Amino acid sequence: MCNSFNGGGCCPPAQMFQESICGNFNNATGTATTTVWTAPAGAYFSGTFEIFNSASSPDAVTATINPLSPLGTLDADPGNSNTASVNQPTAFAITIPAGASGKYCINLYKRVLA
């Protein structure tokens, strides 16, 4: 029996993996929402999401992280960044006003059984 209660199990412990995804965003015309990442439910046990809004952007950039709780939304005024962490993330979308640009970074954590 693997991982038996006596500690002498035959199966190795789960491995933790971190994945990082970073990129740029910009929008020359009217406000647009862009989904930059999605995953099936349960694929990742945690994720940290960050947006940076360029100082030359005319307005705040917002992002939505599913699930929305806790703190599943981010706002970043021009020249600023904002970060949030959520459990069981499934999507990350950025709403970009006209003329705005910046960067995003996503760190995802997954548990894999060997």
C-alpha atoms as a PDB file:
ATOM      1  CA  MET A   1       0.000   0.000   0.000  1.00  0.00           C
ATOM      2  CA  CYS A   2       1.517   3.326  -1.057  1.00  0.00           C
ATOM      3  CA  ASN A   3       2.071   6.065   1.515  1.00  0.00           C
ATOM      4  CA  SER A   4       0.775   3.886   4.314  1.00  0.00           C
ATOM      5  CA  PHE A   5       0.207   5.365   7.752  1.00  0.00           C
ATOM      6  CA  ASN A   6       3.417   3.856   9.127  1.00  0.00           C
ATOM      7  CA  GLY A   7       5.616   6.058   6.911  1.00  0.00           C
ATOM      8  CA  GLY A   8       7.058   3.144   4.961  1.00  0.00           C
ATOM      9  CA  GLY A   9       5.111   3.797   1.784  1.00  0.00           C
ATOM     10  CA  CYS A  10       6.437   2.802  -1.612  1.00  0.00           C
ATOM     11  CA  CYS A  11       5.351   5.907  -3.555  1.00  0.00           C
ATOM     12  CA  PRO A  12       7.534   9.005  -3.755  1.00  0.00           C
ATOM     13  CA  PRO A  13       6.080  12.274  -2.437  1.00  0.00           C
ATOM     14  CA  ALA A  14       4.418  14.732  -4.796  1.00  0.00           C
ATOM     15  CA  GLN A  15       6.715  17.169  -6.591  1.00  0.00           C
ATOM     16  CA  MET A  16       6.010  20.916  -6.664  1.00  0.00           C
ATOM     17  CA  PHE A  17       6.514  22.788  -9.912  1.00  0.00           C
ATOM     18  CA  GLN A  18       6.518  26.512 -10.580  1.00  0.00           C
ATOM     19  CA  GLU A  19       5.732  27.919 -14.011  1.00  0.00           C
ATOM     20  CA  SER A  20       6.319  31.564 -14.948  1.00  0.00           C
ATOM     21  CA  ILE A  21       4.635  33.346 -17.829  1.00  0.00           C
ATOM     22  CA  CYS A  22       5.455  36.980 -18.606  1.00  0.00           C
ATOM     23  CA  GLY A  23       4.549  39.253 -21.465  1.00  0.00           C
ATOM     24  CA  ASN A  24       3.741  42.737 -22.685  1.00  0.00           C
ATOM     25  CA  PHE A  25       0.401  44.332 -23.458  1.00  0.00           C
ATOM     26  CA  ASN A  26      -0.601  47.438 -25.380  1.00  0.00           C
ATOM     27  CA  ASN A  27      -3.669  48.900 -26.986  1.00  0.00           C
ATOM     28  CA  ALA A  28      -3.682  51.600 -29.650  1.00  0.00           C
ATOM     29  CA  THR A  29      -7.455  51.931 -29.994  1.00  0.00           C
ATOM     30  CA  GLY A  30     -10.570  51.776 -27.744  1.00  0.00           C
ATOM     31  CA  THR A  31     -10.614  49.883 -24.441  1.00  0.00           C
ATOM     32  CA  ALA A  32     -10.158  46.142 -24.905  1.00  0.00           C
ATOM     33  CA  THR A  33     -10.105  43.095 -22.650  1.00  0.00           C
ATOM     34  CA  THR A  34      -7.568  40.407 -23.468  1.00  0.00           C
ATOM     35  CA  THR A  35      -7.442  36.977 -21.847  1.00  0.00           C
ATOM     36  CA  VAL A  36      -3.739  36.189 -21.479  1.00  0.00           C
ATOM     37  CA  TRP A  37      -3.969  32.838 -19.672  1.00  0.00           C
ATOM     38  CA  THR A  38      -6.493  30.045 -18.978  1.00  0.00           C
ATOM     39  CA  ALA A  39      -6.331  26.576 -17.420  1.00  0.00           C
ATOM     40  CA  PRO A  40      -8.819  23.846 -16.523  1.00  0.00           C
ATOM     41  CA  ALA A  41     -10.158  23.835 -12.962  1.00  0.00           C
ATOM     42  CA  GLY A  42      -7.764  22.071 -10.581  1.00  0.00           C
ATOM     43  CA  ALA A  43      -4.702  22.279 -12.852  1.00  0.00           C
ATOM     44  CA  TYR A  44      -2.859  24.632 -10.449  1.00  0.00           C
ATOM     45  CA  PHE A  45      -3.241  24.889  -6.687  1.00  0.00           C
ATOM     46  CA  SER A  46      -2.037  28.510  -6.495  1.00  0.00           C
ATOM     47  CA  GLY A  47      -1.028  31.453  -8.646  1.00  0.00           C
ATOM     48  CA  THR A  48       0.446  34.932  -8.242  1.00  0.00           C
ATOM     49  CA  PHE A  49      -0.540  37.525 -10.848  1.00  0.00           C
ATOM     50  CA  GLU A  50       1.091  40.925 -11.431  1.00  0.00           C
ATOM     51  CA  ILE A  51       0.410  43.802 -13.811  1.00  0.00           C
ATOM     52  CA  PHE A  52       2.629  46.825 -14.422  1.00  0.00           C
ATOM     53  CA  ASN A  53       1.148  49.881 -16.126  1.00  0.00           C
ATOM     54  CA  SER A  54       3.598  52.088 -18.022  1.00  0.00           C
ATOM     55  CA  ALA A  55       4.031  55.666 -16.780  1.00  0.00           C
ATOM     56  CA  SER A  56       3.089  56.864 -20.283  1.00  0.00           C
ATOM     57  CA  SER A  57      -0.342  55.164 -20.122  1.00  0.00           C
ATOM     58  CA  PRO A  58      -3.272  57.613 -19.996  1.00  0.00           C
ATOM     59  CA  ASP A  59      -5.364  55.650 -17.485  1.00  0.00           C
ATOM     60  CA  ALA A  60      -5.414  52.709 -15.058  1.00  0.00           C
ATOM     61  CA  VAL A  61      -5.190  49.139 -16.299  1.00  0.00           C
ATOM     62  CA  THR A  62      -7.356  46.496 -14.621  1.00  0.00           C
ATOM     63  CA  ALA A  63      -7.081  42.729 -14.514  1.00  0.00           C
ATOM     64  CA  THR A  64      -9.461  39.974 -13.488  1.00  0.00           C
ATOM     65  CA  ILE A  65      -8.347  36.667 -12.025  1.00  0.00           C
ATOM     66  CA  ASN A  66     -10.740  33.738 -11.750  1.00  0.00           C
ATOM     67  CA  PRO A  67     -11.724  32.816  -9.158  1.00  0.00           C
ATOM     68  CA  LEU A  68     -12.580  36.313  -8.015  1.00  0.00           C
ATOM     69  CA  SER A  69     -12.135  35.532  -4.311  1.00  0.00           C
ATOM     70  CA  PRO A  70      -9.997  36.510  -2.531  1.00  0.00           C
ATOM     71  CA  LEU A  71      -8.784  39.643  -4.330  1.00  0.00           C
ATOM     72  CA  GLY A  72      -9.395  38.422  -7.866  1.00  0.00           C
ATOM     73  CA  THR A  73      -9.129  41.907  -9.353  1.00  0.00           C
ATOM     74  CA  LEU A  74      -6.162  44.226  -9.794  1.00  0.00           C
ATOM     75  CA  ASP A  75      -5.892  47.910 -10.705  1.00  0.00           C
ATOM     76  CA  ALA A  76      -2.640  49.636 -11.638  1.00  0.00           C
ATOM     77  CA  ASP A  77      -2.449  53.383 -12.195  1.00  0.00           C
ATOM     78  CA  PRO A  78       0.109  54.712 -14.704  1.00  0.00           C
ATOM     79  CA  GLY A  79       3.652  54.044 -13.468  1.00  0.00           C
ATOM     80  CA  ASN A  80       2.526  51.483 -10.877  1.00  0.00           C
ATOM     81  CA  SER A  81       2.144  47.739 -10.455  1.00  0.00           C
ATOM     82  CA  ASN A  82      -0.178  45.534  -8.453  1.00  0.00           C
ATOM     83  CA  THR A  83      -0.078  41.870  -7.426  1.00  0.00           C
ATOM     84  CA  ALA A  84      -2.579  39.311  -6.122  1.00  0.00           C
ATOM     85  CA  SER A  85      -2.438  35.622  -5.240  1.00  0.00           C
ATOM     86  CA  VAL A  86      -5.348  33.210  -5.551  1.00  0.00           C
ATOM     87  CA  ASN A  87      -5.961  29.524  -4.974  1.00  0.00           C
ATOM     88  CA  GLN A  88      -7.080  27.280  -7.846  1.00  0.00           C
ATOM     89  CA  PRO A  89      -6.662  29.932 -10.621  1.00  0.00           C
ATOM     90  CA  THR A  90      -8.348  29.293 -13.969  1.00  0.00           C
ATOM     91  CA  ALA A  91      -8.090  32.555 -15.965  1.00  0.00           C
ATOM     92  CA  PHE A  92      -6.350  35.941 -16.149  1.00  0.00           C
ATOM     93  CA  ALA A  93      -7.660  38.787 -18.309  1.00  0.00           C
ATOM     94  CA  ILE A  94      -6.424  42.379 -18.650  1.00  0.00           C
ATOM     95  CA  THR A  95      -8.629  45.351 -19.560  1.00  0.00           C
ATOM     96  CA  ILE A  96      -6.465  47.873 -21.376  1.00  0.00           C
ATOM     97  CA  PRO A  97      -7.616  51.445 -22.075  1.00  0.00           C
ATOM     98  CA  ALA A  98      -6.722  53.099 -25.381  1.00  0.00           C
ATOM     99  CA  GLY A  99      -3.075  54.178 -25.463  1.00  0.00           C
ATOM    100  CA  ALA A 100      -2.042  52.057 -22.459  1.00  0.00           C
ATOM    101  CA  SER A 101       0.837  49.601 -22.332  1.00  0.00           C
ATOM    102  CA  GLY A 102       2.667  47.552 -19.751  1.00  0.00           C
ATOM    103  CA  LYS A 103       3.738  44.104 -18.627  1.00  0.00           C
ATOM    104  CA  TYR A 104       2.207  41.131 -16.832  1.00  0.00           C
ATOM    105  CA  CYS A 105       3.772  38.237 -14.971  1.00  0.00           C
ATOM    106  CA  ILE A 106       2.115  35.036 -13.774  1.00  0.00           C
ATOM    107  CA  ASN A 107       3.662  32.488 -11.374  1.00  0.00           C
ATOM    108  CA  LEU A 108       1.746  29.222 -11.172  1.00  0.00           C
ATOM    109  CA  TYR A 109       2.214  26.360  -8.731  1.00  0.00           C
ATOM    110  CA  LYS A 110       1.326  22.755  -9.494  1.00  0.00           C
ATOM    111  CA  ARG A 111       1.568  19.559  -7.470  1.00  0.00           C
ATOM    112  CA  VAL A 112       2.478  16.506  -9.549  1.00  0.00           C
ATOM    113  CA  LEU A 113       2.514  12.931  -8.279  1.00  0.00           C
ATOM    114  CA  ALA A 114       5.536  11.004  -9.517  1.00  0.00           C
END
